Amino acid sequence: FPFLPENPSASTTEGVCRIRRKERKIKMFGARFLAGLAIVCAIGSASAKGLYEKDSLVEKLNELNFKTFIKKQDSMNHVKLIEFYKDDCANCKSFEKEYNDLAKQFKGIIKVTAVDCNSQKKICDEYSVKEFPTLKVIPPGGFGVQDYAGERTAKAIYPWVLKFHQHFVEKVTSEDLDAFLNKNAGKYKALLFTDKGKTPLIWRGLSVDLHNKMTLGVVQKEEKGVCSRYKVTKFPTILVVKPGQKKPIKFEEKVEYQELFEFLNRYSLPP
């Protein structure tokens, strides 16, 4: 306060103190107001955010891509899982994490998709959707839609969806190895050597994506003759082979779907 006298009176000093107290209160009120406004904005932003945004592996469908997705020629051998939901549905919001988990588990193997019935009402009416979320599976071939009626958890849904999954992996033994190699002469084959009792889901999924382009086989650890022929001692081992080949081509990267698909696709032939 530069214009105060050098020796202010008591009354003047008291007035200055009152002004400063008011200034402090105004600043405190302003800070609290801004903090509250930030919280309101954050809540509004969260509530406005739709389900399955940029970080999600769930593919969102609409009237422009739905029919193509169902009938797309290169996906006719795939199982398609569809969730019909609404952004403002509490149960749908609760289910989002479970469905995202499913999309991660089925990455590259099962088509995991979602339709927002607030904005895509025509599709939802066509499939007679009345409750949310509703899950449906379209099996390979695109016909015979199946409704899910169990618990809305990834653990419960996972085995139900896999019931519809078909694959083209051939079991290879010492007795039929040569027949396997000579089938579709001139085409490369891929062999997975495994110590697992069941054929891994990733290998089954790859057999669907590469159907009519490359034949995939699985060799159990107990098949000593085949393992010895290809000098396989570690599991899993993945080799690309064909008749007359001097040395098989070994997959050396991390076993993930996309890396494996790109590797095998280099040796596949167009259908």
Protein backbone atom coordinates (compact mmCIF):
# COMPACT_ATOMS: atom_id res chain seq x y z
CA PHE A 1 0.00 0.00 0.00
CA PRO A 2 2.37 2.70 -1.24
CA PHE A 3 0.06 5.68 -0.48
CA LEU A 4 -0.31 5.05 3.25
CA PRO A 5 1.23 7.66 5.54
CA GLU A 6 4.60 6.88 7.13
CA ASN A 7 3.09 6.74 10.65
CA PRO A 8 -0.39 5.43 10.13
CA SER A 9 -2.91 5.75 12.89
CA ALA A 10 -4.35 2.68 14.67
CA SER A 11 -7.62 3.00 12.76
CA THR A 12 -5.79 3.14 9.47
CA THR A 13 -3.69 0.09 10.35
CA GLU A 14 -6.81 -1.84 11.33
CA GLY A 15 -8.42 -0.97 7.98
CA VAL A 16 -5.39 -2.22 6.11
CA CYS A 17 -5.55 -5.52 8.01
CA ARG A 18 -9.21 -5.92 7.15
CA ILE A 19 -8.46 -5.36 3.46
CA ARG A 20 -5.66 -7.91 3.53
CA ARG A 21 -7.88 -10.47 5.28
CA LYS A 22 -10.51 -9.98 2.57
CA GLU A 23 -7.87 -10.43 -0.13
CA ARG A 24 -6.76 -13.72 1.43
CA LYS A 25 -10.36 -14.96 1.62
CA ILE A 26 -10.94 -14.04 -2.03
CA LYS A 27 -7.79 -15.93 -3.08
CA MET A 28 -8.80 -18.98 -1.04
CA PHE A 29 -12.30 -18.92 -2.51
CA GLY A 30 -10.89 -18.61 -6.02
CA ALA A 31 -8.54 -21.56 -5.52
CA ARG A 32 -11.33 -23.73 -4.14
CA PHE A 33 -13.65 -22.71 -6.96
CA LEU A 34 -11.07 -23.64 -9.61
CA ALA A 35 -10.36 -26.97 -7.92
CA GLY A 36 -14.06 -27.77 -7.79
CA LEU A 37 -14.47 -26.75 -11.42
CA ALA A 38 -11.63 -29.08 -12.42
CA ILE A 39 -13.31 -31.99 -10.62
CA VAL A 40 -16.63 -31.27 -12.31
CA CYS A 41 -14.93 -31.13 -15.70
CA ALA A 42 -13.11 -34.39 -15.04
CA ILE A 43 -16.33 -36.13 -14.04
CA GLY A 44 -18.10 -34.73 -17.08
CA SER A 45 -15.31 -35.86 -19.34
CA ALA A 46 -15.33 -39.37 -17.85
CA SER A 47 -19.08 -39.70 -18.18
CA ALA A 48 -18.97 -38.45 -21.77
CA LYS A 49 -16.26 -40.93 -22.76
CA GLY A 50 -17.61 -43.84 -24.76
CA LEU A 51 -16.77 -47.48 -24.15
CA TYR A 52 -13.94 -49.23 -26.00
CA GLU A 53 -11.92 -46.19 -26.96
CA LYS A 54 -8.44 -45.94 -28.51
CA ASP A 55 -6.56 -48.36 -26.19
CA SER A 56 -9.12 -51.14 -26.56
CA LEU A 57 -8.68 -54.17 -28.82
CA VAL A 58 -12.46 -54.39 -29.23
CA GLU A 59 -13.51 -53.41 -32.76
CA LYS A 60 -16.55 -51.10 -32.83
CA LEU A 61 -19.07 -51.80 -35.58
CA ASN A 62 -21.57 -49.48 -37.26
CA GLU A 63 -23.95 -49.45 -40.22
CA LEU A 64 -21.09 -48.73 -42.61
CA ASN A 65 -18.92 -51.73 -41.73
CA PHE A 66 -21.26 -54.25 -40.07
CA LYS A 67 -22.45 -56.16 -43.16
CA THR A 68 -18.95 -56.23 -44.63
CA PHE A 69 -17.58 -57.55 -41.35
CA ILE A 70 -20.11 -60.39 -41.21
CA LYS A 71 -19.70 -61.46 -44.83
CA LYS A 72 -16.06 -60.59 -45.43
CA GLN A 73 -14.60 -63.46 -47.43
CA ASP A 74 -11.29 -63.76 -45.57
CA SER A 75 -13.08 -63.92 -42.21
CA MET A 76 -15.72 -66.53 -43.01
CA ASN A 77 -13.74 -69.22 -41.14
CA HIS A 78 -13.53 -67.04 -38.01
CA VAL A 79 -15.76 -66.95 -34.96
CA LYS A 80 -17.21 -63.48 -34.44
CA LEU A 81 -18.18 -62.32 -30.94
CA ILE A 82 -20.43 -59.25 -30.75
CA GLU A 83 -21.49 -57.26 -27.69
CA PHE A 84 -24.55 -55.06 -28.04
CA TYR A 85 -24.33 -52.28 -25.45
CA LYS A 86 -25.28 -48.74 -24.55
CA ASP A 87 -22.81 -46.11 -23.37
CA ASP A 88 -25.16 -44.95 -20.62
CA CYS A 89 -25.88 -48.47 -19.30
CA ALA A 90 -24.37 -49.14 -15.85
CA ASN A 91 -24.08 -52.89 -16.44
CA CYS A 92 -22.30 -52.25 -19.74
CA LYS A 93 -19.77 -49.98 -18.06
CA SER A 94 -19.14 -52.64 -15.41
CA PHE A 95 -18.63 -55.26 -18.11
CA GLU A 96 -16.16 -53.17 -20.14
CA LYS A 97 -13.05 -54.46 -18.35
CA GLU A 98 -14.11 -58.10 -18.71
CA TYR A 99 -14.76 -57.66 -22.41
CA ASN A 100 -11.45 -55.89 -22.94
CA ASP A 101 -9.74 -58.83 -21.22
CA LEU A 102 -11.47 -61.21 -23.62
CA ALA A 103 -10.26 -59.18 -26.59
CA LYS A 104 -6.69 -59.49 -25.32
CA GLN A 105 -7.00 -63.27 -24.82
CA PHE A 106 -8.53 -63.76 -28.27
CA LYS A 107 -6.26 -61.32 -30.10
CA GLY A 108 -5.84 -62.44 -33.71
CA ILE A 109 -7.91 -65.58 -33.13
CA ILE A 110 -11.51 -64.56 -32.42
CA LYS A 111 -13.04 -61.38 -33.82
CA VAL A 112 -14.16 -59.45 -30.70
CA THR A 113 -16.49 -56.58 -31.59
CA ALA A 114 -19.12 -54.25 -30.13
CA VAL A 115 -22.16 -52.29 -31.32
CA ASP A 116 -23.43 -49.19 -29.49
CA CYS A 117 -27.21 -49.44 -29.61
CA ASN A 118 -27.64 -45.73 -28.82
CA SER A 119 -26.09 -44.77 -32.14
CA GLN A 120 -26.66 -48.00 -34.12
CA LYS A 121 -30.29 -48.73 -33.28
CA LYS A 122 -31.05 -50.27 -36.69
CA ILE A 123 -28.48 -53.06 -36.21
CA CYS A 124 -29.69 -53.78 -32.67
CA ASP A 125 -33.32 -53.95 -33.81
CA GLU A 126 -32.34 -56.33 -36.61
CA TYR A 127 -30.81 -58.69 -34.03
CA SER A 128 -33.74 -58.28 -31.60
CA VAL A 129 -31.60 -56.88 -28.79
CA LYS A 130 -33.69 -55.96 -25.74
CA GLU A 131 -31.23 -56.14 -22.81
CA PHE A 132 -27.78 -54.72 -22.28
CA PRO A 133 -25.17 -55.95 -22.53
CA THR A 134 -26.19 -58.75 -24.91
CA LEU A 135 -23.57 -61.14 -26.33
CA LYS A 136 -23.95 -63.08 -29.56
CA VAL A 137 -21.63 -65.34 -31.51
CA ILE A 138 -21.69 -65.72 -35.27
CA PRO A 139 -20.02 -69.09 -36.01
CA PRO A 140 -17.79 -69.76 -39.05
CA GLY A 141 -19.77 -69.42 -42.25
CA GLY A 142 -21.75 -66.42 -40.99
CA PHE A 143 -24.98 -68.28 -40.20
CA GLY A 144 -26.77 -69.51 -37.07
CA VAL A 145 -26.35 -66.69 -34.54
CA GLN A 146 -25.92 -68.00 -30.98
CA ASP A 147 -26.97 -66.10 -27.82
CA TYR A 148 -24.92 -66.18 -24.63
CA ALA A 149 -26.89 -66.67 -21.42
CA GLY A 150 -24.20 -67.19 -18.76
CA GLU A 151 -22.28 -64.97 -16.35
CA ARG A 152 -20.83 -61.74 -17.70
CA THR A 153 -17.22 -62.62 -16.88
CA ALA A 154 -14.27 -63.29 -19.15
CA LYS A 155 -13.67 -66.61 -17.35
CA ALA A 156 -17.19 -67.85 -18.12
CA ILE A 157 -17.44 -66.49 -21.67
CA TYR A 158 -14.02 -67.75 -22.86
CA PRO A 159 -14.82 -71.51 -23.05
CA TRP A 160 -18.29 -70.84 -24.46
CA VAL A 161 -16.86 -68.91 -27.40
CA LEU A 162 -14.19 -71.54 -28.05
CA LYS A 163 -16.89 -74.18 -28.59
CA PHE A 164 -17.54 -72.55 -31.97
CA HIS A 165 -13.89 -72.29 -32.99
CA GLN A 166 -12.85 -74.61 -35.82
CA HIS A 167 -9.26 -75.12 -36.89
CA PHE A 168 -7.23 -76.91 -39.57
CA VAL A 169 -4.16 -78.10 -37.63
CA GLU A 170 -3.12 -81.66 -38.51
CA LYS A 171 -1.59 -84.01 -35.96
CA VAL A 172 1.72 -85.33 -37.32
CA THR A 173 3.35 -88.60 -36.23
CA SER A 174 6.34 -90.61 -37.43
CA GLU A 175 4.01 -92.81 -39.47
CA ASP A 176 2.36 -90.01 -41.45
CA LEU A 177 5.11 -87.36 -41.60
CA ASP A 178 6.01 -88.07 -45.25
CA ALA A 179 2.34 -88.01 -46.28
CA PHE A 180 1.98 -84.66 -44.51
CA LEU A 181 5.02 -83.24 -46.29
CA ASN A 182 3.99 -84.49 -49.74
CA LYS A 183 0.43 -83.18 -49.51
CA ASN A 184 0.01 -80.15 -51.83
CA ALA A 185 3.44 -80.71 -53.33
CA GLY A 186 5.56 -77.61 -53.61
CA LYS A 187 3.89 -75.82 -50.71
CA TYR A 188 5.70 -75.09 -47.49
CA LYS A 189 4.30 -76.63 -44.29
CA ALA A 190 4.70 -75.41 -40.72
CA LEU A 191 5.34 -77.72 -37.77
CA LEU A 192 4.86 -76.86 -34.11
CA PHE A 193 6.77 -79.16 -31.75
CA THR A 194 5.12 -78.97 -28.34
CA ASP A 195 5.15 -80.56 -24.91
CA LYS A 196 1.55 -79.48 -24.26
CA GLY A 197 -1.29 -81.98 -24.34
CA LYS A 198 -3.56 -79.75 -26.42
CA THR A 199 -2.76 -77.78 -29.53
CA PRO A 200 -2.19 -74.17 -28.40
CA LEU A 201 -4.94 -71.71 -29.32
CA ILE A 202 -2.51 -69.44 -31.13
CA TRP A 203 -1.56 -72.31 -33.52
CA ARG A 204 -5.21 -73.16 -34.12
CA GLY A 205 -5.95 -69.52 -34.90
CA LEU A 206 -3.05 -69.31 -37.34
CA SER A 207 -4.34 -72.41 -39.16
CA VAL A 208 -7.58 -70.49 -39.82
CA ASP A 209 -5.86 -67.34 -41.08
CA LEU A 210 -3.55 -69.39 -43.33
CA HIS A 211 -6.14 -71.89 -44.51
CA ASN A 212 -5.58 -72.88 -48.16
CA LYS A 213 -2.28 -70.99 -48.10
CA MET A 214 -0.18 -73.14 -45.75
CA THR A 215 -0.81 -76.39 -43.89
CA LEU A 216 -0.01 -76.36 -40.18
CA GLY A 217 0.88 -79.48 -38.24
CA VAL A 218 1.53 -80.23 -34.58
CA VAL A 219 4.08 -82.73 -33.27
CA GLN A 220 3.93 -83.93 -29.68
CA LYS A 221 7.12 -84.28 -27.66
CA GLU A 222 6.55 -88.03 -27.46
CA GLU A 223 7.00 -88.39 -31.24
CA LYS A 224 10.68 -89.20 -30.93
CA GLY A 225 11.11 -90.12 -34.60
CA VAL A 226 9.91 -86.72 -35.90
CA CYS A 227 11.79 -84.78 -33.21
CA SER A 228 14.98 -86.69 -34.00
CA ARG A 229 14.61 -86.14 -37.75
CA TYR A 230 14.49 -82.37 -37.26
CA LYS A 231 16.91 -82.36 -34.29
CA VAL A 232 14.32 -80.75 -32.00
CA THR A 233 15.18 -80.83 -28.29
CA LYS A 234 13.46 -77.69 -27.00
CA PHE A 235 9.73 -76.97 -26.82
CA PRO A 236 8.01 -75.15 -28.31
CA THR A 237 9.92 -75.15 -31.61
CA ILE A 238 8.40 -73.90 -34.86
CA LEU A 239 9.81 -74.95 -38.23
CA VAL A 240 8.84 -74.24 -41.83
CA VAL A 241 9.51 -77.33 -43.95
CA LYS A 242 8.86 -78.85 -47.37
CA PRO A 243 9.93 -82.00 -49.29
CA GLY A 244 13.52 -81.97 -50.57
CA GLN A 245 14.49 -79.11 -48.27
CA LYS A 246 18.06 -79.38 -46.96
CA LYS A 247 17.47 -77.42 -43.77
CA PRO A 248 14.18 -76.32 -42.15
CA ILE A 249 13.55 -72.63 -41.46
CA LYS A 250 13.27 -71.95 -37.73
CA PHE A 251 11.15 -69.25 -36.11
CA GLU A 252 13.44 -67.36 -33.71
CA GLU A 253 11.28 -64.47 -32.52
CA LYS A 254 8.99 -64.09 -29.51
CA VAL A 255 5.94 -66.34 -29.83
CA GLU A 256 3.18 -63.80 -30.42
CA TYR A 257 0.37 -63.97 -32.93
CA GLN A 258 1.30 -61.12 -35.26
CA GLU A 259 5.00 -62.00 -35.38
CA LEU A 260 4.19 -65.63 -36.11
CA PHE A 261 1.63 -64.77 -38.77
CA GLU A 262 4.04 -62.46 -40.60
CA PHE A 263 6.78 -65.10 -40.45
CA LEU A 264 4.61 -67.93 -41.80
CA ASN A 265 2.88 -65.73 -44.36
CA ARG A 266 6.23 -65.11 -46.07
CA TYR A 267 6.32 -68.80 -47.03
CA SER A 268 2.66 -69.25 -47.84
CA LEU A 269 1.11 -69.27 -51.28
CA PRO A 270 -1.98 -67.36 -52.38
CA PRO A 271 -5.17 -69.45 -52.07
